[in-house]
Amino acid sequence: QVQLEESGGGSVQAGGSLRLSCVASGGSFTNYAMGWFRQAPGKGREFVARINQSGGTFGYSDSVKGRFTVSRDNAKNTVYLQMNSLKSEDTAVYYCAARYGSYYSGPYSEEYDYWGQGTQVTVSS
């Protein structure tokens, strides 16, 4: 069983950047495909980005494509989300998630087995 802890959230003005990190512990990190999701107030959880076990394959939602970059460092048991050109609509709690035993992961929250506690990102216009 893996535990996930996000960090790097905060408040930023529109057009700014943040980098989120998610450190995994308690399991073999390379056994997990990883995803990032977000949830804005009053809305459901939304897929943001995903990355496979090796880090060579990734995908993004249309709303963040070209602005966000997902990556992972398997030596550090960490997955990252670099967020550039932030917009007010990116304001949400951001969660990382892990899917065990699958080389790839998809955009559906039901696919993931473990979740972090979330980190708040607030973008002011």
C-alpha atoms as a PDB file:
ATOM      1  CA  GLN A   1       0.000   0.000   0.000  1.00  0.00           C
ATOM      2  CA  VAL A   2       1.369   3.380  -0.967  1.00  0.00           C
ATOM      3  CA  GLN A   3       0.893   6.711   0.769  1.00  0.00           C
ATOM      4  CA  LEU A   4       0.875   9.903  -1.284  1.00  0.00           C
ATOM      5  CA  GLU A   5       1.650  13.412  -0.104  1.00  0.00           C
ATOM      6  CA  GLU A   6       1.268  16.485  -2.298  1.00  0.00           C
ATOM      7  CA  SER A   7       3.029  19.799  -1.810  1.00  0.00           C
ATOM      8  CA  GLY A   8       3.728  22.977  -3.731  1.00  0.00           C
ATOM      9  CA  GLY A   9       0.296  24.539  -3.783  1.00  0.00           C
ATOM     10  CA  GLY A  10      -0.288  28.177  -2.992  1.00  0.00           C
ATOM     11  CA  SER A  11      -1.623  31.470  -4.265  1.00  0.00           C
ATOM     12  CA  VAL A  12      -0.443  32.997  -7.523  1.00  0.00           C
ATOM     13  CA  GLN A  13      -1.582  35.663  -9.933  1.00  0.00           C
ATOM     14  CA  ALA A  14      -2.962  34.764 -13.326  1.00  0.00           C
ATOM     15  CA  GLY A  15      -0.171  34.058 -15.775  1.00  0.00           C
ATOM     16  CA  GLY A  16       2.091  32.746 -13.045  1.00  0.00           C
ATOM     17  CA  SER A  17       3.501  29.282 -12.437  1.00  0.00           C
ATOM     18  CA  LEU A  18       3.555  26.648  -9.724  1.00  0.00           C
ATOM     19  CA  ARG A  19       5.087  23.205  -9.484  1.00  0.00           C
ATOM     20  CA  LEU A  20       3.293  20.554  -7.505  1.00  0.00           C
ATOM     21  CA  SER A  21       5.077  17.526  -6.122  1.00  0.00           C
ATOM     22  CA  CYS A  22       3.682  14.232  -4.908  1.00  0.00           C
ATOM     23  CA  VAL A  23       5.935  11.925  -2.922  1.00  0.00           C
ATOM     24  CA  ALA A  24       5.026   8.262  -2.617  1.00  0.00           C
ATOM     25  CA  SER A  25       6.019   6.069   0.301  1.00  0.00           C
ATOM     26  CA  GLY A  26       5.305   2.561   1.496  1.00  0.00           C
ATOM     27  CA  GLY A  27       5.360   0.851  -1.861  1.00  0.00           C
ATOM     28  CA  SER A  28       7.430   0.301  -4.970  1.00  0.00           C
ATOM     29  CA  PHE A  29       6.840   3.485  -6.923  1.00  0.00           C
ATOM     30  CA  THR A  30       7.539   1.920 -10.302  1.00  0.00           C
ATOM     31  CA  ASN A  31       4.557  -0.385  -9.806  1.00  0.00           C
ATOM     32  CA  TYR A  32       2.234   2.588 -10.126  1.00  0.00           C
ATOM     33  CA  ALA A  33       0.928   4.650 -12.973  1.00  0.00           C
ATOM     34  CA  MET A  34       0.141   8.125 -11.665  1.00  0.00           C
ATOM     35  CA  GLY A  35      -2.452  10.781 -12.242  1.00  0.00           C
ATOM     36  CA  TRP A  36      -3.304  14.325 -11.215  1.00  0.00           C
ATOM     37  CA  PHE A  37      -6.868  15.431 -10.613  1.00  0.00           C
ATOM     38  CA  ARG A  38      -8.426  18.609  -9.284  1.00  0.00           C
ATOM     39  CA  GLN A  39     -11.654  19.652  -7.632  1.00  0.00           C
ATOM     40  CA  ALA A  40     -12.977  23.191  -7.614  1.00  0.00           C
ATOM     41  CA  PRO A  41     -15.581  24.349  -5.093  1.00  0.00           C
ATOM     42  CA  GLY A  42     -19.011  22.992  -5.953  1.00  0.00           C
ATOM     43  CA  LYS A  43     -17.685  20.818  -8.774  1.00  0.00           C
ATOM     44  CA  GLY A  44     -16.759  17.198  -9.242  1.00  0.00           C
ATOM     45  CA  ARG A  45     -13.252  15.805  -9.424  1.00  0.00           C
ATOM     46  CA  GLU A  46     -11.677  16.513 -12.809  1.00  0.00           C
ATOM     47  CA  PHE A  47      -8.840  14.722 -14.577  1.00  0.00           C
ATOM     48  CA  VAL A  48      -5.775  16.881 -15.217  1.00  0.00           C
ATOM     49  CA  ALA A  49      -2.838  14.705 -16.286  1.00  0.00           C
ATOM     50  CA  ARG A  50      -1.516  11.149 -16.225  1.00  0.00           C
ATOM     51  CA  ILE A  51       1.821   9.440 -16.639  1.00  0.00           C
ATOM     52  CA  ASN A  52       2.750   5.801 -17.014  1.00  0.00           C
ATOM     53  CA  GLN A  53       5.089   3.784 -14.833  1.00  0.00           C
ATOM     54  CA  SER A  54       8.256   4.615 -16.728  1.00  0.00           C
ATOM     55  CA  GLY A  55       7.380   8.245 -17.397  1.00  0.00           C
ATOM     56  CA  GLY A  56       7.513   7.836 -21.152  1.00  0.00           C
ATOM     57  CA  THR A  57       3.808   8.151 -21.843  1.00  0.00           C
ATOM     58  CA  PHE A  58       1.512  10.882 -20.583  1.00  0.00           C
ATOM     59  CA  GLY A  59      -1.759  12.608 -21.284  1.00  0.00           C
ATOM     60  CA  TYR A  60      -3.587  15.805 -20.426  1.00  0.00           C
ATOM     61  CA  SER A  61      -7.069  17.208 -20.301  1.00  0.00           C
ATOM     62  CA  ASP A  62      -7.873  19.681 -23.041  1.00  0.00           C
ATOM     63  CA  SER A  63      -8.190  22.453 -20.459  1.00  0.00           C
ATOM     64  CA  VAL A  64      -4.517  22.233 -19.439  1.00  0.00           C
ATOM     65  CA  LYS A  65      -2.815  20.901 -22.563  1.00  0.00           C
ATOM     66  CA  GLY A  66       0.067  23.126 -23.581  1.00  0.00           C
ATOM     67  CA  ARG A  67       0.243  24.782 -20.148  1.00  0.00           C
ATOM     68  CA  PHE A  68       0.840  21.916 -17.716  1.00  0.00           C
ATOM     69  CA  THR A  69       3.556  19.265 -17.791  1.00  0.00           C
ATOM     70  CA  VAL A  70       3.542  16.023 -15.836  1.00  0.00           C
ATOM     71  CA  SER A  71       6.757  14.176 -15.066  1.00  0.00           C
ATOM     72  CA  ARG A  72       8.142  11.694 -12.585  1.00  0.00           C
ATOM     73  CA  ASP A  73      11.452  10.854 -10.975  1.00  0.00           C
ATOM     74  CA  ASN A  74      11.346   7.199 -10.026  1.00  0.00           C
ATOM     75  CA  ALA A  75      14.603   7.488  -8.075  1.00  0.00           C
ATOM     76  CA  LYS A  76      12.896  10.033  -5.803  1.00  0.00           C
ATOM     77  CA  ASN A  77       9.471   8.341  -5.731  1.00  0.00           C
ATOM     78  CA  THR A  78       8.001  11.627  -6.892  1.00  0.00           C
ATOM     79  CA  VAL A  79       5.609  12.802  -9.558  1.00  0.00           C
ATOM     80  CA  TYR A  80       5.435  16.459 -10.545  1.00  0.00           C
ATOM     81  CA  LEU A  81       2.951  18.786 -12.160  1.00  0.00           C
ATOM     82  CA  GLN A  82       4.473  21.933 -13.634  1.00  0.00           C
ATOM     83  CA  MET A  83       1.728  24.490 -14.134  1.00  0.00           C
ATOM     84  CA  ASN A  84       2.400  27.518 -16.320  1.00  0.00           C
ATOM     85  CA  SER A  85       0.203  30.339 -17.618  1.00  0.00           C
ATOM     86  CA  LEU A  86      -2.203  29.758 -14.778  1.00  0.00           C
ATOM     87  CA  LYS A  87      -5.765  30.997 -15.082  1.00  0.00           C
ATOM     88  CA  SER A  88      -8.393  31.741 -12.459  1.00  0.00           C
ATOM     89  CA  GLU A  89     -10.293  28.655 -13.603  1.00  0.00           C
ATOM     90  CA  ASP A  90      -7.334  26.515 -12.509  1.00  0.00           C
ATOM     91  CA  THR A  91      -8.214  27.318  -8.888  1.00  0.00           C
ATOM     92  CA  ALA A  92      -8.909  24.003  -7.144  1.00  0.00           C
ATOM     93  CA  VAL A  93      -7.600  21.425  -4.739  1.00  0.00           C
ATOM     94  CA  TYR A  94      -5.143  19.261  -6.655  1.00  0.00           C
ATOM     95  CA  TYR A  95      -4.784  15.560  -5.890  1.00  0.00           C
ATOM     96  CA  CYS A  96      -2.298  12.987  -7.035  1.00  0.00           C
ATOM     97  CA  ALA A  97      -3.434   9.404  -7.441  1.00  0.00           C
ATOM     98  CA  ALA A  98      -1.778   6.048  -8.004  1.00  0.00           C
ATOM     99  CA  ARG A  99      -2.954   3.045  -9.960  1.00  0.00           C
ATOM    100  CA  TYR A 100      -1.313  -0.195  -8.928  1.00  0.00           C
ATOM    101  CA  GLY A 101      -0.063  -2.806 -11.331  1.00  0.00           C
ATOM    102  CA  SER A 102      -0.981  -1.073 -14.544  1.00  0.00           C
ATOM    103  CA  TYR A 103       1.600   0.307 -16.949  1.00  0.00           C
ATOM    104  CA  TYR A 104      -0.842   2.954 -18.108  1.00  0.00           C
ATOM    105  CA  SER A 105      -3.542   4.911 -16.357  1.00  0.00           C
ATOM    106  CA  GLY A 106      -6.512   6.723 -17.767  1.00  0.00           C
ATOM    107  CA  PRO A 107      -8.543   9.834 -17.043  1.00  0.00           C
ATOM    108  CA  TYR A 108     -11.152   8.249 -14.777  1.00  0.00           C
ATOM    109  CA  SER A 109     -10.869   8.572 -11.014  1.00  0.00           C
ATOM    110  CA  GLU A 110     -12.325   5.079 -10.521  1.00  0.00           C
ATOM    111  CA  GLU A 111      -9.184   3.593 -12.090  1.00  0.00           C
ATOM    112  CA  TYR A 112      -6.967   4.789  -9.255  1.00  0.00           C
ATOM    113  CA  ASP A 113      -6.352   2.920  -6.030  1.00  0.00           C
ATOM    114  CA  TYR A 114      -4.679   5.491  -3.790  1.00  0.00           C
ATOM    115  CA  TRP A 115      -5.047   9.224  -3.304  1.00  0.00           C
ATOM    116  CA  GLY A 116      -3.195  12.006  -1.569  1.00  0.00           C
ATOM    117  CA  GLN A 117      -4.834  14.524   0.721  1.00  0.00           C
ATOM    118  CA  GLY A 118      -4.679  17.339  -1.821  1.00  0.00           C
ATOM    119  CA  THR A 119      -3.014  20.728  -2.064  1.00  0.00           C
ATOM    120  CA  GLN A 120      -4.807  24.018  -2.683  1.00  0.00           C
ATOM    121  CA  VAL A 121      -4.002  26.123  -5.737  1.00  0.00           C
ATOM    122  CA  THR A 122      -5.542  29.585  -5.905  1.00  0.00           C
ATOM    123  CA  VAL A 123      -5.117  31.778  -8.979  1.00  0.00           C
ATOM    124  CA  SER A 124      -6.208  35.376  -8.734  1.00  0.00           C
ATOM    125  CA  SER A 125      -7.003  37.480 -11.773  1.00  0.00           C
END
